[in-house]
Amino acid sequence: MVRAWYMDGSMADQRCPHQTDPLIPVGLDQLQHIGVLYWKLDADNYKTDDKLATIRSDRGYSYEDIIEITPEKLPNYEQKIKTFYEEHLHLDEEIRYILAGSGYFDVRDTDDKWIRIEMEKGDMIVLPAGIYHRFTLDEKNYIKAMRLFVGEPVWTPYNRPADEKEARKEYLKTLAA
């Protein structure tokens, strides 16, 4: 099951857990309230997983690719990790399915506080268009993830502030409803 918590304000390495003391956990219902969707899937059999196929069909995910993020496989690794960790939003959903390794997605709650979502093998997450977020690996420095898209892949980050973007305005409307 997904583990999530409110982050501390520490300036320690972004790859550390950044848990408050005492820990302030965040439940799946709180994540759903801000539009984050989550599934636990069988990463060892992702090519034949009926549950994944159903999610893809229901949500219109027609394109996929697989990315490995590790110092040995990603050119300009340190720079890329810093780029992924810049707070941003996208005009479309961000869908990630972890096939191996681990990392963190950080998302903003309705009070603009950071929630850290721990992602491990088998975790699939959908971040809604317009949500401010960022990504980092954990201290193991390795993740292999499937990226899913509706149609051709578009992965354009809009760094904060990007409140003028229609996706952000629409996202905020869903929170107010």
C-alpha atoms as a PDB file:
ATOM      1  CA  MET A   1       0.000   0.000   0.000  1.00  0.00           C
ATOM      2  CA  VAL A   2       1.143   3.528  -0.689  1.00  0.00           C
ATOM      3  CA  ARG A   3       2.968   5.391   2.056  1.00  0.00           C
ATOM      4  CA  ALA A   4       2.744   9.176   2.176  1.00  0.00           C
ATOM      5  CA  TRP A   5       3.484  11.829   4.774  1.00  0.00           C
ATOM      6  CA  TYR A   6       3.842  15.551   5.328  1.00  0.00           C
ATOM      7  CA  MET A   7       7.418  16.643   4.767  1.00  0.00           C
ATOM      8  CA  ASP A   8       9.662  18.359   7.274  1.00  0.00           C
ATOM      9  CA  GLY A   9      11.244  21.681   6.371  1.00  0.00           C
ATOM     10  CA  SER A  10      14.770  20.296   6.357  1.00  0.00           C
ATOM     11  CA  MET A  11      17.287  21.362   3.728  1.00  0.00           C
ATOM     12  CA  ALA A  12      18.915  17.902   3.815  1.00  0.00           C
ATOM     13  CA  ASP A  13      19.524  15.954   0.595  1.00  0.00           C
ATOM     14  CA  GLN A  14      16.304  15.755  -1.454  1.00  0.00           C
ATOM     15  CA  ARG A  15      16.713  11.948  -1.576  1.00  0.00           C
ATOM     16  CA  CYS A  16      16.214  11.618   2.201  1.00  0.00           C
ATOM     17  CA  PRO A  17      12.705  10.693   3.458  1.00  0.00           C
ATOM     18  CA  HIS A  18      12.071  14.149   5.005  1.00  0.00           C
ATOM     19  CA  GLN A  19       9.607  12.842   7.578  1.00  0.00           C
ATOM     20  CA  THR A  20       8.344  15.061  10.373  1.00  0.00           C
ATOM     21  CA  ASP A  21       8.917  14.041  14.004  1.00  0.00           C
ATOM     22  CA  PRO A  22       6.425  12.816  14.957  1.00  0.00           C
ATOM     23  CA  LEU A  23       5.434  11.444  11.571  1.00  0.00           C
ATOM     24  CA  ILE A  24       2.292  12.994  10.058  1.00  0.00           C
ATOM     25  CA  PRO A  25       0.969  10.287   7.698  1.00  0.00           C
ATOM     26  CA  VAL A  26      -1.265  11.033   4.724  1.00  0.00           C
ATOM     27  CA  GLY A  27      -3.898   8.481   3.752  1.00  0.00           C
ATOM     28  CA  LEU A  28      -5.048   7.433   0.325  1.00  0.00           C
ATOM     29  CA  ASP A  29      -8.312   9.321   0.895  1.00  0.00           C
ATOM     30  CA  GLN A  30      -6.363  12.572   1.381  1.00  0.00           C
ATOM     31  CA  LEU A  31      -4.412  11.920  -1.817  1.00  0.00           C
ATOM     32  CA  GLN A  32      -7.637  11.233  -3.707  1.00  0.00           C
ATOM     33  CA  HIS A  33      -9.058  14.508  -2.366  1.00  0.00           C
ATOM     34  CA  ILE A  34      -6.294  16.416  -4.193  1.00  0.00           C
ATOM     35  CA  GLY A  35      -6.805  14.325  -7.338  1.00  0.00           C
ATOM     36  CA  VAL A  36      -3.960  11.804  -6.946  1.00  0.00           C
ATOM     37  CA  LEU A  37      -4.877   8.275  -8.007  1.00  0.00           C
ATOM     38  CA  TYR A  38      -3.024   5.131  -6.931  1.00  0.00           C
ATOM     39  CA  TRP A  39      -2.962   1.438  -7.757  1.00  0.00           C
ATOM     40  CA  LYS A  40      -0.783  -1.455  -6.588  1.00  0.00           C
ATOM     41  CA  LEU A  41      -0.011  -3.677  -9.590  1.00  0.00           C
ATOM     42  CA  ASP A  42       2.071  -6.751 -10.438  1.00  0.00           C
ATOM     43  CA  ALA A  43       5.279  -5.223 -11.807  1.00  0.00           C
ATOM     44  CA  ASP A  44       6.791  -8.642 -12.538  1.00  0.00           C
ATOM     45  CA  ASN A  45       4.020  -9.340 -15.053  1.00  0.00           C
ATOM     46  CA  TYR A  46       3.215  -5.880 -16.372  1.00  0.00           C
ATOM     47  CA  LYS A  47       3.199  -7.054 -19.990  1.00  0.00           C
ATOM     48  CA  THR A  48       0.282  -9.426 -19.332  1.00  0.00           C
ATOM     49  CA  ASP A  49      -1.411  -7.728 -16.349  1.00  0.00           C
ATOM     50  CA  ASP A  50      -5.173  -7.535 -16.949  1.00  0.00           C
ATOM     51  CA  LYS A  51      -5.591  -4.873 -14.265  1.00  0.00           C
ATOM     52  CA  LEU A  52      -3.064  -2.598 -16.013  1.00  0.00           C
ATOM     53  CA  ALA A  53      -4.741  -3.272 -19.360  1.00  0.00           C
ATOM     54  CA  THR A  54      -8.114  -2.284 -17.890  1.00  0.00           C
ATOM     55  CA  ILE A  55      -6.721   0.939 -16.389  1.00  0.00           C
ATOM     56  CA  ARG A  56      -5.077   1.814 -19.713  1.00  0.00           C
ATOM     57  CA  SER A  57      -8.284   1.148 -21.630  1.00  0.00           C
ATOM     58  CA  ASP A  58     -10.551   2.984 -19.169  1.00  0.00           C
ATOM     59  CA  ARG A  59      -8.290   6.054 -19.027  1.00  0.00           C
ATOM     60  CA  GLY A  60      -7.221   6.120 -22.676  1.00  0.00           C
ATOM     61  CA  TYR A  61      -3.493   5.542 -22.124  1.00  0.00           C
ATOM     62  CA  SER A  62      -2.347   4.595 -25.593  1.00  0.00           C
ATOM     63  CA  TYR A  63       1.385   5.315 -25.451  1.00  0.00           C
ATOM     64  CA  GLU A  64       4.062   4.014 -23.103  1.00  0.00           C
ATOM     65  CA  ASP A  65       7.787   4.085 -22.677  1.00  0.00           C
ATOM     66  CA  ILE A  66      10.139   2.865 -19.991  1.00  0.00           C
ATOM     67  CA  ILE A  67      12.823   4.983 -18.377  1.00  0.00           C
ATOM     68  CA  GLU A  68      15.638   3.957 -16.055  1.00  0.00           C
ATOM     69  CA  ILE A  69      17.032   6.685 -13.845  1.00  0.00           C
ATOM     70  CA  THR A  70      20.409   5.866 -12.376  1.00  0.00           C
ATOM     71  CA  PRO A  71      23.824   7.528 -12.607  1.00  0.00           C
ATOM     72  CA  GLU A  72      25.020   4.785 -14.976  1.00  0.00           C
ATOM     73  CA  LYS A  73      22.135   5.022 -17.460  1.00  0.00           C
ATOM     74  CA  LEU A  74      20.956   8.638 -17.515  1.00  0.00           C
ATOM     75  CA  PRO A  75      23.264  11.171 -19.160  1.00  0.00           C
ATOM     76  CA  ASN A  76      23.769  14.326 -17.065  1.00  0.00           C
ATOM     77  CA  TYR A  77      22.280  12.453 -14.095  1.00  0.00           C
ATOM     78  CA  GLU A  78      22.895  15.062 -11.377  1.00  0.00           C
ATOM     79  CA  GLN A  79      21.502  17.891 -13.515  1.00  0.00           C
ATOM     80  CA  LYS A  80      18.436  15.827 -14.510  1.00  0.00           C
ATOM     81  CA  ILE A  81      17.688  14.965 -10.870  1.00  0.00           C
ATOM     82  CA  LYS A  82      17.811  18.665  -9.981  1.00  0.00           C
ATOM     83  CA  THR A  83      15.485  19.453 -12.908  1.00  0.00           C
ATOM     84  CA  PHE A  84      12.970  16.770 -11.864  1.00  0.00           C
ATOM     85  CA  TYR A  85      12.981  18.263  -8.343  1.00  0.00           C
ATOM     86  CA  GLU A  86      12.008  21.752  -9.451  1.00  0.00           C
ATOM     87  CA  GLU A  87       8.392  22.439  -8.534  1.00  0.00           C
ATOM     88  CA  HIS A  88       6.268  22.372 -11.665  1.00  0.00           C
ATOM     89  CA  LEU A  89       2.993  21.330 -13.237  1.00  0.00           C
ATOM     90  CA  HIS A  90       1.950  19.747 -16.528  1.00  0.00           C
ATOM     91  CA  LEU A  91      -0.999  20.444 -18.801  1.00  0.00           C
ATOM     92  CA  ASP A  92      -1.797  16.702 -18.853  1.00  0.00           C
ATOM     93  CA  GLU A  93      -1.832  13.944 -16.256  1.00  0.00           C
ATOM     94  CA  GLU A  94       1.501  12.509 -15.195  1.00  0.00           C
ATOM     95  CA  ILE A  95       1.281   8.714 -15.016  1.00  0.00           C
ATOM     96  CA  ARG A  96       4.089   6.592 -13.606  1.00  0.00           C
ATOM     97  CA  TYR A  97       4.215   2.869 -12.915  1.00  0.00           C
ATOM     98  CA  ILE A  98       7.265   1.714 -10.969  1.00  0.00           C
ATOM     99  CA  LEU A  99       8.739  -1.505 -12.376  1.00  0.00           C
ATOM    100  CA  ALA A 100      11.849  -1.568 -10.164  1.00  0.00           C
ATOM    101  CA  GLY A 101      13.635   0.623  -7.664  1.00  0.00           C
ATOM    102  CA  SER A 102      12.090   3.474  -5.703  1.00  0.00           C
ATOM    103  CA  GLY A 103      11.705   7.223  -5.391  1.00  0.00           C
ATOM    104  CA  TYR A 104       9.398   9.994  -4.234  1.00  0.00           C
ATOM    105  CA  PHE A 105       6.745  12.205  -5.753  1.00  0.00           C
ATOM    106  CA  ASP A 106       6.054  15.357  -3.747  1.00  0.00           C
ATOM    107  CA  VAL A 107       2.701  17.079  -4.246  1.00  0.00           C
ATOM    108  CA  ARG A 108       1.128  20.190  -2.765  1.00  0.00           C
ATOM    109  CA  ASP A 109      -1.983  19.830  -0.621  1.00  0.00           C
ATOM    110  CA  THR A 110      -4.842  22.349  -0.534  1.00  0.00           C
ATOM    111  CA  ASP A 111      -2.909  24.434   2.036  1.00  0.00           C
ATOM    112  CA  ASP A 112       0.205  24.450  -0.190  1.00  0.00           C
ATOM    113  CA  LYS A 113       2.103  22.068   2.115  1.00  0.00           C
ATOM    114  CA  TRP A 114       4.321  19.328   0.701  1.00  0.00           C
ATOM    115  CA  ILE A 115       3.183  15.708   0.859  1.00  0.00           C
ATOM    116  CA  ARG A 116       5.842  13.097   0.032  1.00  0.00           C
ATOM    117  CA  ILE A 117       4.580   9.928  -1.689  1.00  0.00           C
ATOM    118  CA  GLU A 118       6.912   6.951  -1.531  1.00  0.00           C
ATOM    119  CA  MET A 119       6.931   4.996  -4.781  1.00  0.00           C
ATOM    120  CA  GLU A 120       8.189   1.407  -4.961  1.00  0.00           C
ATOM    121  CA  LYS A 121       7.972  -1.547  -7.312  1.00  0.00           C
ATOM    122  CA  GLY A 122       4.357  -2.158  -8.321  1.00  0.00           C
ATOM    123  CA  ASP A 123       3.099   1.329  -7.445  1.00  0.00           C
ATOM    124  CA  MET A 124       1.209   3.231 -10.123  1.00  0.00           C
ATOM    125  CA  ILE A 125       0.311   6.867  -9.634  1.00  0.00           C
ATOM    126  CA  VAL A 126      -1.616   9.454 -11.615  1.00  0.00           C
ATOM    127  CA  LEU A 127      -1.021  13.103 -10.837  1.00  0.00           C
ATOM    128  CA  PRO A 128      -3.767  15.341 -12.210  1.00  0.00           C
ATOM    129  CA  ALA A 129      -3.025  18.037 -14.762  1.00  0.00           C
ATOM    130  CA  GLY A 130      -2.363  21.329 -12.982  1.00  0.00           C
ATOM    131  CA  ILE A 131      -1.072  19.975  -9.639  1.00  0.00           C
ATOM    132  CA  TYR A 132       2.238  21.376  -8.448  1.00  0.00           C
ATOM    133  CA  HIS A 133       4.669  18.541  -7.871  1.00  0.00           C
ATOM    134  CA  ARG A 134       8.246  17.320  -8.153  1.00  0.00           C
ATOM    135  CA  PHE A 135      10.105  14.014  -8.274  1.00  0.00           C
ATOM    136  CA  THR A 136      13.298  12.641  -6.807  1.00  0.00           C
ATOM    137  CA  LEU A 137      14.950   9.321  -6.366  1.00  0.00           C
ATOM    138  CA  ASP A 138      15.567   8.057  -2.862  1.00  0.00           C
ATOM    139  CA  GLU A 139      19.011   7.266  -1.468  1.00  0.00           C
ATOM    140  CA  LYS A 140      19.252   4.066  -3.559  1.00  0.00           C
ATOM    141  CA  ASN A 141      19.587   6.215  -6.722  1.00  0.00           C
ATOM    142  CA  TYR A 142      17.682   3.826  -8.977  1.00  0.00           C
ATOM    143  CA  ILE A 143      14.215   3.617 -10.476  1.00  0.00           C
ATOM    144  CA  LYS A 144      12.738   1.974 -13.550  1.00  0.00           C
ATOM    145  CA  ALA A 145       9.349   3.355 -14.482  1.00  0.00           C
ATOM    146  CA  MET A 146       6.766   3.045 -17.205  1.00  0.00           C
ATOM    147  CA  ARG A 147       5.494   6.403 -18.387  1.00  0.00           C
ATOM    148  CA  LEU A 148       1.979   6.352 -19.832  1.00  0.00           C
ATOM    149  CA  PHE A 149       0.324   8.993 -21.983  1.00  0.00           C
ATOM    150  CA  VAL A 150      -2.958   9.694 -23.753  1.00  0.00           C
ATOM    151  CA  GLY A 151      -1.814   9.910 -27.369  1.00  0.00           C
ATOM    152  CA  GLU A 152       1.654  11.142 -28.250  1.00  0.00           C
ATOM    153  CA  PRO A 153       3.858  11.853 -25.241  1.00  0.00           C
ATOM    154  CA  VAL A 154       4.033  15.420 -24.043  1.00  0.00           C
ATOM    155  CA  TRP A 155       6.205  16.091 -21.038  1.00  0.00           C
ATOM    156  CA  THR A 156       6.504  19.836 -20.788  1.00  0.00           C
ATOM    157  CA  PRO A 157       7.056  21.103 -17.244  1.00  0.00           C
ATOM    158  CA  TYR A 158       5.880  24.588 -16.315  1.00  0.00           C
ATOM    159  CA  ASN A 159       7.809  25.717 -13.267  1.00  0.00           C
ATOM    160  CA  ARG A 160       6.014  27.511 -10.477  1.00  0.00           C
ATOM    161  CA  PRO A 161       4.521  30.067 -10.724  1.00  0.00           C
ATOM    162  CA  ALA A 162       2.279  28.812 -13.501  1.00  0.00           C
ATOM    163  CA  ASP A 163      -1.105  29.802 -12.097  1.00  0.00           C
ATOM    164  CA  GLU A 164      -2.105  31.400 -15.423  1.00  0.00           C
ATOM    165  CA  LYS A 165      -2.150  27.987 -17.149  1.00  0.00           C
ATOM    166  CA  GLU A 166      -5.654  26.717 -17.915  1.00  0.00           C
ATOM    167  CA  ALA A 167      -4.780  23.284 -16.458  1.00  0.00           C
ATOM    168  CA  ARG A 168      -3.962  24.953 -13.124  1.00  0.00           C
ATOM    169  CA  LYS A 169      -7.212  26.922 -13.119  1.00  0.00           C
ATOM    170  CA  GLU A 170      -9.211  23.775 -13.910  1.00  0.00           C
ATOM    171  CA  TYR A 171      -7.384  21.828 -11.212  1.00  0.00           C
ATOM    172  CA  LEU A 172      -8.187  24.476  -8.597  1.00  0.00           C
ATOM    173  CA  LYS A 173     -11.861  24.360  -9.627  1.00  0.00           C
ATOM    174  CA  THR A 174     -11.939  20.607  -8.908  1.00  0.00           C
ATOM    175  CA  LEU A 175     -10.572  21.263  -5.422  1.00  0.00           C
ATOM    176  CA  ALA A 176     -13.248  23.872  -4.729  1.00  0.00           C
ATOM    177  CA  ALA A 177     -16.090  21.542  -5.794  1.00  0.00           C
END
